[in-house]
Amino acid sequence: MIRAIRVLAATGFAAFSLLSAGLTHAVAVAPVGPTIVVLTATPVLTGAGVSVAPLGSATAFADASSNLIGAFPITGGSLMPDLGNALIEHVGSGLALSRAGTTVNLENFLIDTTGAIDTIFGKVTVGTTVLNDVPLFTLAGGLNVFLSSEAGGALNAFLGIPDLSGAQLGFALTNPLPVPEPGTYAMLGIGLAMLALAGRRRTWKPARIAA
């Protein structure tokens, strides 16, 4: 019995080690999610005459305090070995901010936590003007979202609202999950097979031969 427990423990550790081996370098992020953003600055924007709406595959609704809560599907990216840094893509979704007949589209959000400052990049579209890889927001204190100077200046120029650079817009919740590589799947399968075999050996008992 003790030997069987030791075998199970050893094979279980082996399976765990094989699965963990796939995270010794950057791995792809699974297209799951979404990332949730709570815009606590919604009253400030609406007070300035700005309407905010989801764009593309994003969805949104207002909470009891009239704050817009947006969901942006994670479409890919990469997760670093320390699991604390990542590039998280949200291609095909975003927010549309409109005022006085002008709309500024902010989309294709890329959360980048690999640099000195956690930043959310994206594409800005106003009419025929398209700007790519613009640092739209910064993240501080974990998940608090602040408007960048570039985005604040753009909203000021295009929508005619006060420059809100540096203002906190709300907070974000995201949970990127790694995509195991094919080799990791194979190694995990071997580990699970070892566990199953060890379990069968532990529970199998030979039939007694009648005297």
C-alpha atoms as a PDB file:
ATOM      1  CA  MET A   1       0.000   0.000   0.000  1.00  0.00           C
ATOM      2  CA  ILE A   2       2.781   2.426   0.957  1.00  0.00           C
ATOM      3  CA  ARG A   3       4.625   1.551  -2.236  1.00  0.00           C
ATOM      4  CA  ALA A   4       1.496   2.253  -4.286  1.00  0.00           C
ATOM      5  CA  ILE A   5       1.104   5.668  -2.632  1.00  0.00           C
ATOM      6  CA  ARG A   6       4.719   6.461  -3.410  1.00  0.00           C
ATOM      7  CA  VAL A   7       4.212   5.470  -7.043  1.00  0.00           C
ATOM      8  CA  LEU A   8       1.094   7.646  -7.296  1.00  0.00           C
ATOM      9  CA  ALA A   9       2.888  10.598  -5.689  1.00  0.00           C
ATOM     10  CA  ALA A  10       5.877  10.209  -7.991  1.00  0.00           C
ATOM     11  CA  THR A  11       3.817   9.911 -11.138  1.00  0.00           C
ATOM     12  CA  GLY A  12       1.569  12.799 -10.073  1.00  0.00           C
ATOM     13  CA  PHE A  13       4.615  14.998  -9.552  1.00  0.00           C
ATOM     14  CA  ALA A  14       5.950  13.880 -12.917  1.00  0.00           C
ATOM     15  CA  ALA A  15       2.701  14.839 -14.650  1.00  0.00           C
ATOM     16  CA  PHE A  16       2.692  18.234 -12.925  1.00  0.00           C
ATOM     17  CA  SER A  17       6.333  18.782 -13.895  1.00  0.00           C
ATOM     18  CA  LEU A  18       5.618  17.861 -17.499  1.00  0.00           C
ATOM     19  CA  LEU A  19       2.729  20.337 -17.654  1.00  0.00           C
ATOM     20  CA  SER A  20       4.795  23.071 -16.008  1.00  0.00           C
ATOM     21  CA  ALA A  21       7.621  22.487 -18.467  1.00  0.00           C
ATOM     22  CA  GLY A  22       5.588  24.283 -21.137  1.00  0.00           C
ATOM     23  CA  LEU A  23       5.842  27.536 -19.144  1.00  0.00           C
ATOM     24  CA  THR A  24       9.633  27.859 -19.117  1.00  0.00           C
ATOM     25  CA  HIS A  25       9.347  30.372 -21.945  1.00  0.00           C
ATOM     26  CA  ALA A  26       6.697  32.716 -23.311  1.00  0.00           C
ATOM     27  CA  VAL A  27       3.579  30.845 -24.411  1.00  0.00           C
ATOM     28  CA  ALA A  28       0.540  31.860 -26.427  1.00  0.00           C
ATOM     29  CA  VAL A  29      -2.522  33.229 -24.646  1.00  0.00           C
ATOM     30  CA  ALA A  30      -5.748  31.310 -25.167  1.00  0.00           C
ATOM     31  CA  PRO A  31      -8.556  33.209 -26.927  1.00  0.00           C
ATOM     32  CA  VAL A  32     -10.761  33.238 -23.838  1.00  0.00           C
ATOM     33  CA  GLY A  33     -11.841  35.897 -21.445  1.00  0.00           C
ATOM     34  CA  PRO A  34     -13.068  38.515 -21.719  1.00  0.00           C
ATOM     35  CA  THR A  35     -11.263  41.441 -20.131  1.00  0.00           C
ATOM     36  CA  ILE A  36     -13.782  43.472 -18.131  1.00  0.00           C
ATOM     37  CA  VAL A  37     -13.433  47.248 -17.857  1.00  0.00           C
ATOM     38  CA  VAL A  38     -15.550  49.310 -15.466  1.00  0.00           C
ATOM     39  CA  LEU A  39     -15.618  52.947 -16.609  1.00  0.00           C
ATOM     40  CA  THR A  40     -16.190  54.782 -13.340  1.00  0.00           C
ATOM     41  CA  ALA A  41     -15.605  58.037 -15.262  1.00  0.00           C
ATOM     42  CA  THR A  42     -18.754  57.493 -17.329  1.00  0.00           C
ATOM     43  CA  PRO A  43     -20.621  60.357 -15.558  1.00  0.00           C
ATOM     44  CA  VAL A  44     -17.721  62.705 -16.347  1.00  0.00           C
ATOM     45  CA  LEU A  45     -17.817  61.767 -20.022  1.00  0.00           C
ATOM     46  CA  THR A  46     -21.594  61.988 -20.323  1.00  0.00           C
ATOM     47  CA  GLY A  47     -21.492  65.310 -18.460  1.00  0.00           C
ATOM     48  CA  ALA A  48     -19.164  66.562 -21.185  1.00  0.00           C
ATOM     49  CA  GLY A  49     -21.669  65.443 -23.827  1.00  0.00           C
ATOM     50  CA  VAL A  50     -19.744  62.301 -24.795  1.00  0.00           C
ATOM     51  CA  SER A  51     -21.625  59.071 -25.431  1.00  0.00           C
ATOM     52  CA  VAL A  52     -19.750  55.785 -25.054  1.00  0.00           C
ATOM     53  CA  ALA A  53     -20.737  52.590 -26.866  1.00  0.00           C
ATOM     54  CA  PRO A  54     -19.165  49.158 -27.455  1.00  0.00           C
ATOM     55  CA  LEU A  55     -17.438  48.588 -30.770  1.00  0.00           C
ATOM     56  CA  GLY A  56     -17.081  45.371 -32.761  1.00  0.00           C
ATOM     57  CA  SER A  57     -17.282  42.218 -30.641  1.00  0.00           C
ATOM     58  CA  ALA A  58     -17.306  44.167 -27.367  1.00  0.00           C
ATOM     59  CA  THR A  59     -20.418  44.195 -25.223  1.00  0.00           C
ATOM     60  CA  ALA A  60     -21.421  46.705 -22.554  1.00  0.00           C
ATOM     61  CA  PHE A  61     -24.127  47.582 -20.055  1.00  0.00           C
ATOM     62  CA  ALA A  62     -24.639  50.210 -17.369  1.00  0.00           C
ATOM     63  CA  ASP A  63     -24.529  49.331 -13.675  1.00  0.00           C
ATOM     64  CA  ALA A  64     -26.701  50.824 -10.931  1.00  0.00           C
ATOM     65  CA  SER A  65     -24.420  53.883 -10.779  1.00  0.00           C
ATOM     66  CA  SER A  66     -24.689  54.452 -14.549  1.00  0.00           C
ATOM     67  CA  ASN A  67     -21.084  53.357 -15.028  1.00  0.00           C
ATOM     68  CA  LEU A  68     -20.465  51.553 -18.302  1.00  0.00           C
ATOM     69  CA  ILE A  69     -19.124  48.019 -17.880  1.00  0.00           C
ATOM     70  CA  GLY A  70     -17.494  46.724 -21.063  1.00  0.00           C
ATOM     71  CA  ALA A  71     -16.405  43.197 -21.957  1.00  0.00           C
ATOM     72  CA  PHE A  72     -13.635  42.779 -24.536  1.00  0.00           C
ATOM     73  CA  PRO A  73     -12.885  39.221 -25.761  1.00  0.00           C
ATOM     74  CA  ILE A  74      -9.248  38.148 -25.435  1.00  0.00           C
ATOM     75  CA  THR A  75      -8.110  37.056 -28.899  1.00  0.00           C
ATOM     76  CA  GLY A  76      -4.493  36.064 -28.231  1.00  0.00           C
ATOM     77  CA  GLY A  77      -1.138  37.320 -27.060  1.00  0.00           C
ATOM     78  CA  SER A  78       1.711  35.832 -25.049  1.00  0.00           C
ATOM     79  CA  LEU A  79       2.257  35.013 -21.396  1.00  0.00           C
ATOM     80  CA  MET A  80       5.726  35.337 -19.903  1.00  0.00           C
ATOM     81  CA  PRO A  81       7.339  32.527 -17.840  1.00  0.00           C
ATOM     82  CA  ASP A  82       6.856  34.396 -14.557  1.00  0.00           C
ATOM     83  CA  LEU A  83       3.085  34.466 -15.259  1.00  0.00           C
ATOM     84  CA  GLY A  84       3.073  38.069 -14.031  1.00  0.00           C
ATOM     85  CA  ASN A  85       3.731  39.761 -17.368  1.00  0.00           C
ATOM     86  CA  ALA A  86       1.881  39.393 -20.627  1.00  0.00           C
ATOM     87  CA  LEU A  87       0.814  40.826 -23.962  1.00  0.00           C
ATOM     88  CA  ILE A  88      -2.970  40.422 -24.117  1.00  0.00           C
ATOM     89  CA  GLU A  89      -4.691  41.101 -27.447  1.00  0.00           C
ATOM     90  CA  HIS A  90      -8.295  42.174 -27.999  1.00  0.00           C
ATOM     91  CA  VAL A  91      -8.522  42.389 -31.782  1.00  0.00           C
ATOM     92  CA  GLY A  92     -11.891  43.374 -33.236  1.00  0.00           C
ATOM     93  CA  SER A  93     -13.387  45.110 -30.219  1.00  0.00           C
ATOM     94  CA  GLY A  94     -13.221  48.514 -28.601  1.00  0.00           C
ATOM     95  CA  LEU A  95     -15.135  51.637 -27.647  1.00  0.00           C
ATOM     96  CA  ALA A  96     -16.751  54.382 -29.714  1.00  0.00           C
ATOM     97  CA  LEU A  97     -16.796  57.859 -28.137  1.00  0.00           C
ATOM     98  CA  SER A  98     -19.076  60.365 -29.855  1.00  0.00           C
ATOM     99  CA  ARG A  99     -19.862  64.037 -29.414  1.00  0.00           C
ATOM    100  CA  ALA A 100     -21.445  66.666 -31.687  1.00  0.00           C
ATOM    101  CA  GLY A 101     -21.404  64.432 -34.752  1.00  0.00           C
ATOM    102  CA  THR A 102     -17.787  63.277 -34.365  1.00  0.00           C
ATOM    103  CA  THR A 103     -16.869  59.726 -33.339  1.00  0.00           C
ATOM    104  CA  VAL A 104     -13.512  58.532 -32.052  1.00  0.00           C
ATOM    105  CA  ASN A 105     -13.078  54.765 -32.249  1.00  0.00           C
ATOM    106  CA  LEU A 106     -10.627  53.139 -29.840  1.00  0.00           C
ATOM    107  CA  GLU A 107     -10.101  49.480 -30.697  1.00  0.00           C
ATOM    108  CA  ASN A 108      -7.758  46.469 -30.875  1.00  0.00           C
ATOM    109  CA  PHE A 109      -6.631  46.963 -27.293  1.00  0.00           C
ATOM    110  CA  LEU A 110      -3.254  45.426 -26.417  1.00  0.00           C
ATOM    111  CA  ILE A 111      -2.482  45.189 -22.707  1.00  0.00           C
ATOM    112  CA  ASP A 112       1.311  45.267 -22.341  1.00  0.00           C
ATOM    113  CA  THR A 113       2.656  44.579 -18.857  1.00  0.00           C
ATOM    114  CA  THR A 114       6.189  43.712 -19.983  1.00  0.00           C
ATOM    115  CA  GLY A 115       7.596  47.255 -19.826  1.00  0.00           C
ATOM    116  CA  ALA A 116       8.393  49.698 -17.058  1.00  0.00           C
ATOM    117  CA  ILE A 117       4.819  51.063 -17.213  1.00  0.00           C
ATOM    118  CA  ASP A 118       1.820  48.795 -17.809  1.00  0.00           C
ATOM    119  CA  THR A 119       0.163  50.251 -20.900  1.00  0.00           C
ATOM    120  CA  ILE A 120      -2.886  49.570 -23.051  1.00  0.00           C
ATOM    121  CA  PHE A 121      -2.184  50.301 -26.713  1.00  0.00           C
ATOM    122  CA  GLY A 122      -4.774  50.503 -29.474  1.00  0.00           C
ATOM    123  CA  LYS A 123      -5.924  51.859 -32.811  1.00  0.00           C
ATOM    124  CA  VAL A 124      -7.562  55.285 -33.006  1.00  0.00           C
ATOM    125  CA  THR A 125      -9.873  56.026 -35.926  1.00  0.00           C
ATOM    126  CA  VAL A 126     -11.555  59.379 -36.579  1.00  0.00           C
ATOM    127  CA  GLY A 127     -13.117  59.597 -40.020  1.00  0.00           C
ATOM    128  CA  THR A 128     -10.311  58.859 -42.488  1.00  0.00           C
ATOM    129  CA  THR A 129      -7.601  59.376 -39.867  1.00  0.00           C
ATOM    130  CA  VAL A 130      -6.166  56.119 -38.534  1.00  0.00           C
ATOM    131  CA  LEU A 131      -3.458  55.911 -35.866  1.00  0.00           C
ATOM    132  CA  ASN A 132      -2.055  52.528 -34.851  1.00  0.00           C
ATOM    133  CA  ASP A 133      -0.271  51.406 -31.688  1.00  0.00           C
ATOM    134  CA  VAL A 134      -1.276  54.497 -29.724  1.00  0.00           C
ATOM    135  CA  PRO A 135      -0.658  54.304 -25.936  1.00  0.00           C
ATOM    136  CA  LEU A 136      -4.249  54.903 -24.848  1.00  0.00           C
ATOM    137  CA  PHE A 137      -4.245  54.044 -21.160  1.00  0.00           C
ATOM    138  CA  THR A 138      -1.838  53.237 -18.365  1.00  0.00           C
ATOM    139  CA  LEU A 139      -2.381  50.777 -15.542  1.00  0.00           C
ATOM    140  CA  ALA A 140      -1.305  51.612 -12.013  1.00  0.00           C
ATOM    141  CA  GLY A 141      -1.873  50.115  -8.599  1.00  0.00           C
ATOM    142  CA  GLY A 142      -2.693  46.808 -10.207  1.00  0.00           C
ATOM    143  CA  LEU A 143      -5.814  47.302 -12.312  1.00  0.00           C
ATOM    144  CA  ASN A 144      -6.622  51.026 -12.166  1.00  0.00           C
ATOM    145  CA  VAL A 145      -6.963  52.519 -15.657  1.00  0.00           C
ATOM    146  CA  PHE A 146      -5.745  56.062 -16.402  1.00  0.00           C
ATOM    147  CA  LEU A 147      -6.071  58.046 -19.639  1.00  0.00           C
ATOM    148  CA  SER A 148      -2.726  58.641 -21.335  1.00  0.00           C
ATOM    149  CA  SER A 149      -1.579  62.074 -22.486  1.00  0.00           C
ATOM    150  CA  GLU A 150      -1.822  60.904 -26.121  1.00  0.00           C
ATOM    151  CA  ALA A 151      -5.436  59.771 -25.715  1.00  0.00           C
ATOM    152  CA  GLY A 152      -6.365  62.818 -23.637  1.00  0.00           C
ATOM    153  CA  GLY A 153      -4.963  65.118 -26.296  1.00  0.00           C
ATOM    154  CA  ALA A 154      -6.767  63.242 -29.073  1.00  0.00           C
ATOM    155  CA  LEU A 155     -10.135  63.436 -27.317  1.00  0.00           C
ATOM    156  CA  ASN A 156      -9.556  67.108 -26.626  1.00  0.00           C
ATOM    157  CA  ALA A 157      -8.687  67.810 -30.264  1.00  0.00           C
ATOM    158  CA  PHE A 158     -11.364  65.698 -31.944  1.00  0.00           C
ATOM    159  CA  LEU A 159     -14.276  65.933 -29.500  1.00  0.00           C
ATOM    160  CA  GLY A 160     -13.609  69.369 -28.038  1.00  0.00           C
ATOM    161  CA  ILE A 161     -13.776  68.213 -24.430  1.00  0.00           C
ATOM    162  CA  PRO A 162     -11.356  69.263 -21.655  1.00  0.00           C
ATOM    163  CA  ASP A 163      -8.010  67.477 -21.655  1.00  0.00           C
ATOM    164  CA  LEU A 164      -8.474  64.528 -19.302  1.00  0.00           C
ATOM    165  CA  SER A 165      -4.884  63.279 -19.548  1.00  0.00           C
ATOM    166  CA  GLY A 166      -3.931  61.390 -16.413  1.00  0.00           C
ATOM    167  CA  ALA A 167      -7.514  61.079 -15.183  1.00  0.00           C
ATOM    168  CA  GLN A 168      -8.614  57.726 -13.828  1.00  0.00           C
ATOM    169  CA  LEU A 169     -11.248  56.181 -16.064  1.00  0.00           C
ATOM    170  CA  GLY A 170     -11.961  53.092 -14.001  1.00  0.00           C
ATOM    171  CA  PHE A 171     -10.464  49.675 -13.509  1.00  0.00           C
ATOM    172  CA  ALA A 172      -9.925  46.499 -15.501  1.00  0.00           C
ATOM    173  CA  LEU A 173     -10.145  42.805 -14.711  1.00  0.00           C
ATOM    174  CA  THR A 174      -8.362  40.302 -16.927  1.00  0.00           C
ATOM    175  CA  ASN A 175      -7.179  36.713 -16.606  1.00  0.00           C
ATOM    176  CA  PRO A 176      -5.089  35.453 -19.540  1.00  0.00           C
ATOM    177  CA  LEU A 177      -4.635  31.674 -19.716  1.00  0.00           C
ATOM    178  CA  PRO A 178      -1.757  29.930 -21.517  1.00  0.00           C
ATOM    179  CA  VAL A 179      -2.259  27.625 -24.482  1.00  0.00           C
ATOM    180  CA  PRO A 180      -0.264  24.413 -23.828  1.00  0.00           C
ATOM    181  CA  GLU A 181       2.052  23.542 -26.694  1.00  0.00           C
ATOM    182  CA  PRO A 182       1.482  20.229 -28.544  1.00  0.00           C
ATOM    183  CA  GLY A 183       4.545  18.733 -26.837  1.00  0.00           C
ATOM    184  CA  THR A 184       3.135  19.684 -23.458  1.00  0.00           C
ATOM    185  CA  TYR A 185      -0.142  17.958 -24.284  1.00  0.00           C
ATOM    186  CA  ALA A 186       1.781  14.806 -25.213  1.00  0.00           C
ATOM    187  CA  MET A 187       3.886  14.852 -22.057  1.00  0.00           C
ATOM    188  CA  LEU A 188       0.817  15.479 -19.921  1.00  0.00           C
ATOM    189  CA  GLY A 189      -0.902  12.537 -21.604  1.00  0.00           C
ATOM    190  CA  ILE A 190       2.025  10.292 -20.723  1.00  0.00           C
ATOM    191  CA  GLY A 191       1.937  11.511 -17.135  1.00  0.00           C
ATOM    192  CA  LEU A 192      -1.816  10.868 -16.867  1.00  0.00           C
ATOM    193  CA  ALA A 193      -1.357   7.406 -18.387  1.00  0.00           C
ATOM    194  CA  MET A 194       1.275   6.661 -15.751  1.00  0.00           C
ATOM    195  CA  LEU A 195      -1.167   7.790 -13.065  1.00  0.00           C
ATOM    196  CA  ALA A 196      -3.905   5.537 -14.456  1.00  0.00           C
ATOM    197  CA  LEU A 197      -1.556   2.569 -14.678  1.00  0.00           C
ATOM    198  CA  ALA A 198      -0.350   3.105 -11.119  1.00  0.00           C
ATOM    199  CA  GLY A 199      -3.955   3.305  -9.938  1.00  0.00           C
ATOM    200  CA  ARG A 200      -4.830   0.031 -11.646  1.00  0.00           C
ATOM    201  CA  ARG A 201      -1.847  -1.685 -10.069  1.00  0.00           C
ATOM    202  CA  ARG A 202      -2.858  -0.355  -6.666  1.00  0.00           C
ATOM    203  CA  THR A 203      -6.437  -1.619  -6.843  1.00  0.00           C
ATOM    204  CA  TRP A 204      -5.820  -4.961  -8.666  1.00  0.00           C
ATOM    205  CA  LYS A 205      -5.824  -8.042  -6.471  1.00  0.00           C
ATOM    206  CA  PRO A 206      -5.189 -11.620  -7.702  1.00  0.00           C
ATOM    207  CA  ALA A 207      -8.089 -14.050  -7.348  1.00  0.00           C
ATOM    208  CA  ARG A 208      -7.768 -16.622  -4.652  1.00  0.00           C
ATOM    209  CA  ILE A 209      -7.451 -20.261  -5.748  1.00  0.00           C
ATOM    210  CA  ALA A 210      -9.892 -22.467  -3.922  1.00  0.00           C
ATOM    211  CA  ALA A 211      -8.294 -25.314  -2.025  1.00  0.00           C
END
